[in-house]
PDB file of N, CA and C in Angstrom:
ATOM      1  N   MET A   1     -28.073   4.743  16.875  1.00  0.00           N
ATOM      2  CA  MET A   1     -27.490   3.635  17.613  1.00  0.00           C
ATOM      3  C   MET A   1     -27.221   2.452  16.691  1.00  0.00           C
ATOM      4  N   LYS A   2     -28.063   2.279  15.658  1.00  0.00           N
ATOM      5  CA  LYS A   2     -27.881   1.174  14.726  1.00  0.00           C
ATOM      6  C   LYS A   2     -26.559   1.322  13.972  1.00  0.00           C
ATOM      7  N   ALA A   3     -26.196   2.545  13.597  1.00  0.00           N
ATOM      8  CA  ALA A   3     -24.944   2.757  12.872  1.00  0.00           C
ATOM      9  C   ALA A   3     -23.748   2.369  13.746  1.00  0.00           C
ATOM     10  N   LEU A   4     -23.799   2.736  15.021  1.00  0.00           N
ATOM     11  CA  LEU A   4     -22.722   2.376  15.932  1.00  0.00           C
ATOM     12  C   LEU A   4     -22.625   0.861  16.085  1.00  0.00           C
ATOM     13  N   HIS A   5     -23.779   0.197  16.160  1.00  0.00           N
ATOM     14  CA  HIS A   5     -23.787  -1.263  16.250  1.00  0.00           C
ATOM     15  C   HIS A   5     -23.161  -1.881  14.996  1.00  0.00           C
ATOM     16  N   CYS A   6     -23.465  -1.353  13.823  1.00  0.00           N
ATOM     17  CA  CYS A   6     -22.891  -1.875  12.573  1.00  0.00           C
ATOM     18  C   CYS A   6     -21.380  -1.685  12.539  1.00  0.00           C
ATOM     19  N   ILE A   7     -20.913  -0.556  13.023  1.00  0.00           N
ATOM     20  CA  ILE A   7     -19.469  -0.294  13.056  1.00  0.00           C
ATOM     21  C   ILE A   7     -18.780  -1.250  14.021  1.00  0.00           C
ATOM     22  N   THR A   8     -19.343  -1.405  15.211  1.00  0.00           N
ATOM     23  CA  THR A   8     -18.710  -2.299  16.186  1.00  0.00           C
ATOM     24  C   THR A   8     -18.749  -3.744  15.712  1.00  0.00           C
ATOM     25  N   PHE A   9     -19.836  -4.146  15.061  1.00  0.00           N
ATOM     26  CA  PHE A   9     -19.922  -5.507  14.537  1.00  0.00           C
ATOM     27  C   PHE A   9     -18.851  -5.729  13.463  1.00  0.00           C
ATOM     28  N   THR A  10     -18.674  -4.774  12.576  1.00  0.00           N
ATOM     29  CA  THR A  10     -17.652  -4.881  11.527  1.00  0.00           C
ATOM     30  C   THR A  10     -16.263  -4.992  12.140  1.00  0.00           C
ATOM     31  N   LEU A  11     -15.983  -4.180  13.145  1.00  0.00           N
ATOM     32  CA  LEU A  11     -14.680  -4.244  13.805  1.00  0.00           C
ATOM     33  C   LEU A  11     -14.477  -5.595  14.493  1.00  0.00           C
ATOM     34  N   LEU A  12     -15.531  -6.150  15.066  1.00  0.00           N
ATOM     35  CA  LEU A  12     -15.420  -7.468  15.702  1.00  0.00           C
ATOM     36  C   LEU A  12     -15.164  -8.561  14.674  1.00  0.00           C
ATOM     37  N   VAL A  13     -15.764  -8.452  13.507  1.00  0.00           N
ATOM     38  CA  VAL A  13     -15.496  -9.426  12.440  1.00  0.00           C
ATOM     39  C   VAL A  13     -14.037  -9.328  12.009  1.00  0.00           C
ATOM     40  N   ILE A  14     -13.536  -8.115  11.844  1.00  0.00           N
ATOM     41  CA  ILE A  14     -12.127  -7.930  11.478  1.00  0.00           C
ATOM     42  C   ILE A  14     -11.229  -8.540  12.542  1.00  0.00           C
ATOM     43  N   GLY A  15     -11.534  -8.285  13.809  1.00  0.00           N
ATOM     44  CA  GLY A  15     -10.738  -8.845  14.904  1.00  0.00           C
ATOM     45  C   GLY A  15     -10.799 -10.362  14.936  1.00  0.00           C
ATOM     46  N   GLY A  16     -11.986 -10.912  14.710  1.00  0.00           N
ATOM     47  CA  GLY A  16     -12.130 -12.366  14.693  1.00  0.00           C
ATOM     48  C   GLY A  16     -11.360 -13.006  13.552  1.00  0.00           C
ATOM     49  N   LEU A  17     -11.430 -12.404  12.384  1.00  0.00           N
ATOM     50  CA  LEU A  17     -10.666 -12.930  11.244  1.00  0.00           C
ATOM     51  C   LEU A  17      -9.168 -12.817  11.490  1.00  0.00           C
ATOM     52  N   ASN A  18      -8.759 -11.738  12.135  1.00  0.00           N
ATOM     53  CA  ASN A  18      -7.347 -11.589  12.470  1.00  0.00           C
ATOM     54  C   ASN A  18      -6.886 -12.727  13.377  1.00  0.00           C
ATOM     55  N   TRP A  19      -7.671 -13.048  14.415  1.00  0.00           N
ATOM     56  CA  TRP A  19      -7.306 -14.151  15.319  1.00  0.00           C
ATOM     57  C   TRP A  19      -7.290 -15.482  14.587  1.00  0.00           C
ATOM     58  N   LEU A  20      -8.187 -15.660  13.628  1.00  0.00           N
ATOM     59  CA  LEU A  20      -8.181 -16.880  12.819  1.00  0.00           C
ATOM     60  C   LEU A  20      -6.875 -16.989  12.038  1.00  0.00           C
ATOM     61  N   LEU A  21      -6.460 -15.881  11.421  1.00  0.00           N
ATOM     62  CA  LEU A  21      -5.205 -15.885  10.664  1.00  0.00           C
ATOM     63  C   LEU A  21      -4.000 -16.133  11.575  1.00  0.00           C
ATOM     64  N   VAL A  22      -4.024 -15.541  12.758  1.00  0.00           N
ATOM     65  CA  VAL A  22      -2.936 -15.765  13.715  1.00  0.00           C
ATOM     66  C   VAL A  22      -2.896 -17.235  14.130  1.00  0.00           C
ATOM     67  N   GLY A  23      -4.063 -17.796  14.414  1.00  0.00           N
ATOM     68  CA  GLY A  23      -4.122 -19.185  14.857  1.00  0.00           C
ATOM     69  C   GLY A  23      -3.730 -20.183  13.788  1.00  0.00           C
ATOM     70  N   LEU A  24      -4.148 -19.941  12.564  1.00  0.00           N
ATOM     71  CA  LEU A  24      -3.874 -20.901  11.491  1.00  0.00           C
ATOM     72  C   LEU A  24      -2.504 -20.720  10.854  1.00  0.00           C
ATOM     73  N   PHE A  25      -2.105 -19.470  10.648  1.00  0.00           N
ATOM     74  CA  PHE A  25      -0.907 -19.200   9.849  1.00  0.00           C
ATOM     75  C   PHE A  25       0.158 -18.377  10.566  1.00  0.00           C
ATOM     76  N   SER A  26      -0.075 -18.024  11.834  1.00  0.00           N
ATOM     77  CA  SER A  26       0.841 -17.139  12.579  1.00  0.00           C
ATOM     78  C   SER A  26       1.083 -15.837  11.826  1.00  0.00           C
ATOM     79  N   TRP A  27       0.034 -15.336  11.202  1.00  0.00           N
ATOM     80  CA  TRP A  27       0.121 -14.102  10.430  1.00  0.00           C
ATOM     81  C   TRP A  27      -0.912 -13.113  10.960  1.00  0.00           C
ATOM     82  N   ASP A  28      -0.486 -11.879  11.185  1.00  0.00           N
ATOM     83  CA  ASP A  28      -1.305 -10.845  11.801  1.00  0.00           C
ATOM     84  C   ASP A  28      -1.647  -9.773  10.766  1.00  0.00           C
ATOM     85  N   ILE A  29      -2.909  -9.340  10.725  1.00  0.00           N
ATOM     86  CA  ILE A  29      -3.317  -8.288   9.793  1.00  0.00           C
ATOM     87  C   ILE A  29      -2.490  -7.020   9.994  1.00  0.00           C
ATOM     88  N   GLY A  30      -2.071  -6.773  11.224  1.00  0.00           N
ATOM     89  CA  GLY A  30      -1.249  -5.597  11.518  1.00  0.00           C
ATOM     90  C   GLY A  30       0.055  -5.569  10.747  1.00  0.00           C
ATOM     91  N   MET A  31       0.485  -6.721  10.239  1.00  0.00           N
ATOM     92  CA  MET A  31       1.718  -6.763   9.448  1.00  0.00           C
ATOM     93  C   MET A  31       1.578  -5.959   8.156  1.00  0.00           C
ATOM     94  N   TRP A  32       0.351  -5.840   7.639  1.00  0.00           N
ATOM     95  CA  TRP A  32       0.119  -5.012   6.445  1.00  0.00           C
ATOM     96  C   TRP A  32       0.498  -3.559   6.702  1.00  0.00           C
ATOM     97  N   PHE A  33       0.389  -3.146   7.947  1.00  0.00           N
ATOM     98  CA  PHE A  33       0.629  -1.750   8.308  1.00  0.00           C
ATOM     99  C   PHE A  33       1.970  -1.544   8.988  1.00  0.00           C
ATOM    100  N   GLY A  34       2.847  -2.528   8.903  1.00  0.00           N
ATOM    101  CA  GLY A  34       4.181  -2.381   9.436  1.00  0.00           C
ATOM    102  C   GLY A  34       4.425  -3.059  10.766  1.00  0.00           C
ATOM    103  N   GLY A  35       3.487  -3.847  11.237  1.00  0.00           N
ATOM    104  CA  GLY A  35       3.688  -4.573  12.493  1.00  0.00           C
ATOM    105  C   GLY A  35       3.023  -3.905  13.673  1.00  0.00           C
ATOM    106  N   GLN A  36       3.131  -4.573  14.816  1.00  0.00           N
ATOM    107  CA  GLN A  36       2.447  -4.114  16.014  1.00  0.00           C
ATOM    108  C   GLN A  36       3.000  -2.814  16.570  1.00  0.00           C
ATOM    109  N   GLU A  37       4.218  -2.473  16.235  1.00  0.00           N
ATOM    110  CA  GLU A  37       4.816  -1.252  16.768  1.00  0.00           C
ATOM    111  C   GLU A  37       4.342   0.008  16.041  1.00  0.00           C
ATOM    112  N   MET A  38       3.748  -0.142  14.865  1.00  0.00           N
ATOM    113  CA  MET A  38       3.307   1.017  14.094  1.00  0.00           C
ATOM    114  C   MET A  38       2.034   1.597  14.711  1.00  0.00           C
ATOM    115  N   THR A  39       1.924   2.903  14.681  1.00  0.00           N
ATOM    116  CA  THR A  39       0.799   3.603  15.295  1.00  0.00           C
ATOM    117  C   THR A  39      -0.533   3.175  14.691  1.00  0.00           C
ATOM    118  N   ILE A  40      -0.608   3.027  13.380  1.00  0.00           N
ATOM    119  CA  ILE A  40      -1.871   2.658  12.741  1.00  0.00           C
ATOM    120  C   ILE A  40      -2.332   1.273  13.194  1.00  0.00           C
ATOM    121  N   SER A  41      -1.405   0.354  13.345  1.00  0.00           N
ATOM    122  CA  SER A  41      -1.762  -0.989  13.822  1.00  0.00           C
ATOM    123  C   SER A  41      -2.299  -0.919  15.244  1.00  0.00           C
ATOM    124  N   ARG A  42      -1.666  -0.130  16.075  1.00  0.00           N
ATOM    125  CA  ARG A  42      -2.105   0.008  17.465  1.00  0.00           C
ATOM    126  C   ARG A  42      -3.490   0.644  17.533  1.00  0.00           C
ATOM    127  N   ILE A  43      -3.754   1.609  16.652  1.00  0.00           N
ATOM    128  CA  ILE A  43      -5.075   2.244  16.605  1.00  0.00           C
ATOM    129  C   ILE A  43      -6.135   1.218  16.221  1.00  0.00           C
ATOM    130  N   ILE A  44      -5.828   0.380  15.233  1.00  0.00           N
ATOM    131  CA  ILE A  44      -6.766  -0.659  14.809  1.00  0.00           C
ATOM    132  C   ILE A  44      -7.040  -1.620  15.962  1.00  0.00           C
ATOM    133  N   TYR A  45      -5.997  -2.053  16.665  1.00  0.00           N
ATOM    134  CA  TYR A  45      -6.172  -2.966  17.795  1.00  0.00           C
ATOM    135  C   TYR A  45      -7.025  -2.329  18.889  1.00  0.00           C
ATOM    136  N   VAL A  46      -6.807  -1.053  19.165  1.00  0.00           N
ATOM    137  CA  VAL A  46      -7.584  -0.352  20.193  1.00  0.00           C
ATOM    138  C   VAL A  46      -9.048  -0.233  19.758  1.00  0.00           C
ATOM    139  N   LEU A  47      -9.294   0.077  18.488  1.00  0.00           N
ATOM    140  CA  LEU A  47     -10.668   0.182  18.002  1.00  0.00           C
ATOM    141  C   LEU A  47     -11.396  -1.156  18.078  1.00  0.00           C
ATOM    142  N   VAL A  48     -10.719  -2.238  17.722  1.00  0.00           N
ATOM    143  CA  VAL A  48     -11.336  -3.566  17.802  1.00  0.00           C
ATOM    144  C   VAL A  48     -11.636  -3.913  19.259  1.00  0.00           C
ATOM    145  N   GLY A  49     -10.706  -3.626  20.154  1.00  0.00           N
ATOM    146  CA  GLY A  49     -10.931  -3.892  21.577  1.00  0.00           C
ATOM    147  C   GLY A  49     -12.060  -3.047  22.147  1.00  0.00           C
ATOM    148  N   ALA A  50     -12.118  -1.779  21.764  1.00  0.00           N
ATOM    149  CA  ALA A  50     -13.199  -0.902  22.233  1.00  0.00           C
ATOM    150  C   ALA A  50     -14.541  -1.376  21.686  1.00  0.00           C
ATOM    151  N   ALA A  51     -14.560  -1.861  20.446  1.00  0.00           N
ATOM    152  CA  ALA A  51     -15.790  -2.395  19.861  1.00  0.00           C
ATOM    153  C   ALA A  51     -16.264  -3.610  20.642  1.00  0.00           C
ATOM    154  N   ALA A  52     -15.332  -4.465  21.037  1.00  0.00           N
ATOM    155  CA  ALA A  52     -15.698  -5.649  21.814  1.00  0.00           C
ATOM    156  C   ALA A  52     -16.316  -5.248  23.156  1.00  0.00           C
ATOM    157  N   ILE A  53     -15.721  -4.288  23.833  1.00  0.00           N
ATOM    158  CA  ILE A  53     -16.257  -3.824  25.118  1.00  0.00           C
ATOM    159  C   ILE A  53     -17.642  -3.226  24.923  1.00  0.00           C
ATOM    160  N   LEU A  54     -17.816  -2.400  23.896  1.00  0.00           N
ATOM    161  CA  LEU A  54     -19.117  -1.788  23.635  1.00  0.00           C
ATOM    162  C   LEU A  54     -20.175  -2.849  23.335  1.00  0.00           C
ATOM    163  N   GLU A  55     -19.826  -3.868  22.574  1.00  0.00           N
ATOM    164  CA  GLU A  55     -20.784  -4.933  22.261  1.00  0.00           C
ATOM    165  C   GLU A  55     -21.142  -5.736  23.508  1.00  0.00           C
ATOM    166  N   VAL A  56     -20.181  -5.982  24.368  1.00  0.00           N
ATOM    167  CA  VAL A  56     -20.476  -6.707  25.608  1.00  0.00           C
ATOM    168  C   VAL A  56     -21.466  -5.911  26.454  1.00  0.00           C
ATOM    169  N   VAL A  57     -21.242  -4.609  26.544  1.00  0.00           N
ATOM    170  CA  VAL A  57     -22.095  -3.753  27.367  1.00  0.00           C
ATOM    171  C   VAL A  57     -23.489  -3.583  26.760  1.00  0.00           C
ATOM    172  N   SER A  58     -23.569  -3.451  25.437  1.00  0.00           N
ATOM    173  CA  SER A  58     -24.851  -3.137  24.805  1.00  0.00           C
ATOM    174  C   SER A  58     -25.505  -4.337  24.112  1.00  0.00           C
ATOM    175  N   HIS A  59     -24.931  -5.511  24.224  1.00  0.00           N
ATOM    176  CA  HIS A  59     -25.409  -6.673  23.484  1.00  0.00           C
ATOM    177  C   HIS A  59     -26.869  -7.003  23.749  1.00  0.00           C
ATOM    178  N   LYS A  60     -27.252  -7.057  24.990  1.00  0.00           N
ATOM    179  CA  LYS A  60     -28.611  -7.470  25.329  1.00  0.00           C
ATOM    180  C   LYS A  60     -29.651  -6.548  24.697  1.00  0.00           C
ATOM    181  N   GLY A  61     -29.369  -5.285  24.630  1.00  0.00           N
ATOM    182  CA  GLY A  61     -30.304  -4.342  24.022  1.00  0.00           C
ATOM    183  C   GLY A  61     -30.344  -4.425  22.508  1.00  0.00           C
ATOM    184  N   ASN A  62     -29.269  -4.901  21.881  1.00  0.00           N
ATOM    185  CA  ASN A  62     -29.193  -4.975  20.424  1.00  0.00           C
ATOM    186  C   ASN A  62     -29.589  -6.336  19.873  1.00  0.00           C
ATOM    187  N   CYS A  63     -29.506  -7.373  20.668  1.00  0.00           N
ATOM    188  CA  CYS A  63     -29.688  -8.737  20.186  1.00  0.00           C
ATOM    189  C   CYS A  63     -31.161  -9.149  20.216  1.00  0.00           C
ATOM    190  N   LYS A  64     -31.676  -9.545  19.083  1.00  0.00           N
ATOM    191  CA  LYS A  64     -33.071  -9.980  19.008  1.00  0.00           C
ATOM    192  C   LYS A  64     -33.296 -11.263  19.793  1.00  0.00           C
ATOM    193  N   CYS A  65     -32.327 -12.147  19.814  1.00  0.00           N
ATOM    194  CA  CYS A  65     -32.471 -13.397  20.559  1.00  0.00           C
ATOM    195  C   CYS A  65     -32.530 -13.141  22.062  1.00  0.00           C
ATOM    196  N   CYS A  66     -31.749 -12.191  22.539  1.00  0.00           N
ATOM    197  CA  CYS A  66     -31.710 -11.901  23.974  1.00  0.00           C
ATOM    198  C   CYS A  66     -32.950 -11.150  24.439  1.00  0.00           C
ATOM    199  N   THR A  67     -33.579 -10.394  23.549  1.00  0.00           N
ATOM    200  CA  THR A  67     -34.729  -9.583  23.941  1.00  0.00           C
ATOM    201  C   THR A  67     -36.056 -10.235  23.595  1.00  0.00           C
ATOM    202  N   ALA A  68     -36.016 -11.372  22.882  1.00  0.00           N
ATOM    203  CA  ALA A  68     -37.265 -12.052  22.512  1.00  0.00           C
ATOM    204  C   ALA A  68     -37.933 -12.638  23.765  1.00  0.00           C
ATOM    205  N   ARG A  69     -39.210 -12.503  23.821  1.00  0.00           N
ATOM    206  CA  ARG A  69     -39.962 -13.048  24.952  1.00  0.00           C
ATOM    207  C   ARG A  69     -40.329 -14.490  24.676  1.00  0.00           C
ATOM    208  N   LYS A  70     -40.118 -15.285  25.668  1.00  0.00           N
ATOM    209  CA  LYS A  70     -40.502 -16.689  25.548  1.00  0.00           C
ATOM    210  C   LYS A  70     -41.898 -16.847  26.148  1.00  0.00           C
ATOM    211  N   GLY A  71     -42.737 -17.554  25.424  1.00  0.00           N
ATOM    212  CA  GLY A  71     -44.074 -17.650  25.962  1.00  0.00           C
ATOM    213  C   GLY A  71     -44.715 -18.878  25.678  1.00  0.00           C
TER     214      GLY A  71
END
C-alpha cells in the first residue's frame, strides 16, 4: 500500500506543478507530448485525476496527522 501511496503522491505533485505552470505562464506540461488531444497527454491527465481520487478516499488512513490521537 505504501508503494501505491508514493505513486499517487508523485502524480499529485506533477498535477500541482502543472496547474502552477498553467496559472503563471499559461503553459501546460501536456504540450511536451503534443497537446491535450494526444493520447499520451490524456493518459497522464487521467492518471493524475485517478491519483487525486485515490488520495481523497485513502487520505485519512495514510496521513499521520489525521490518525494521530490527541490527548
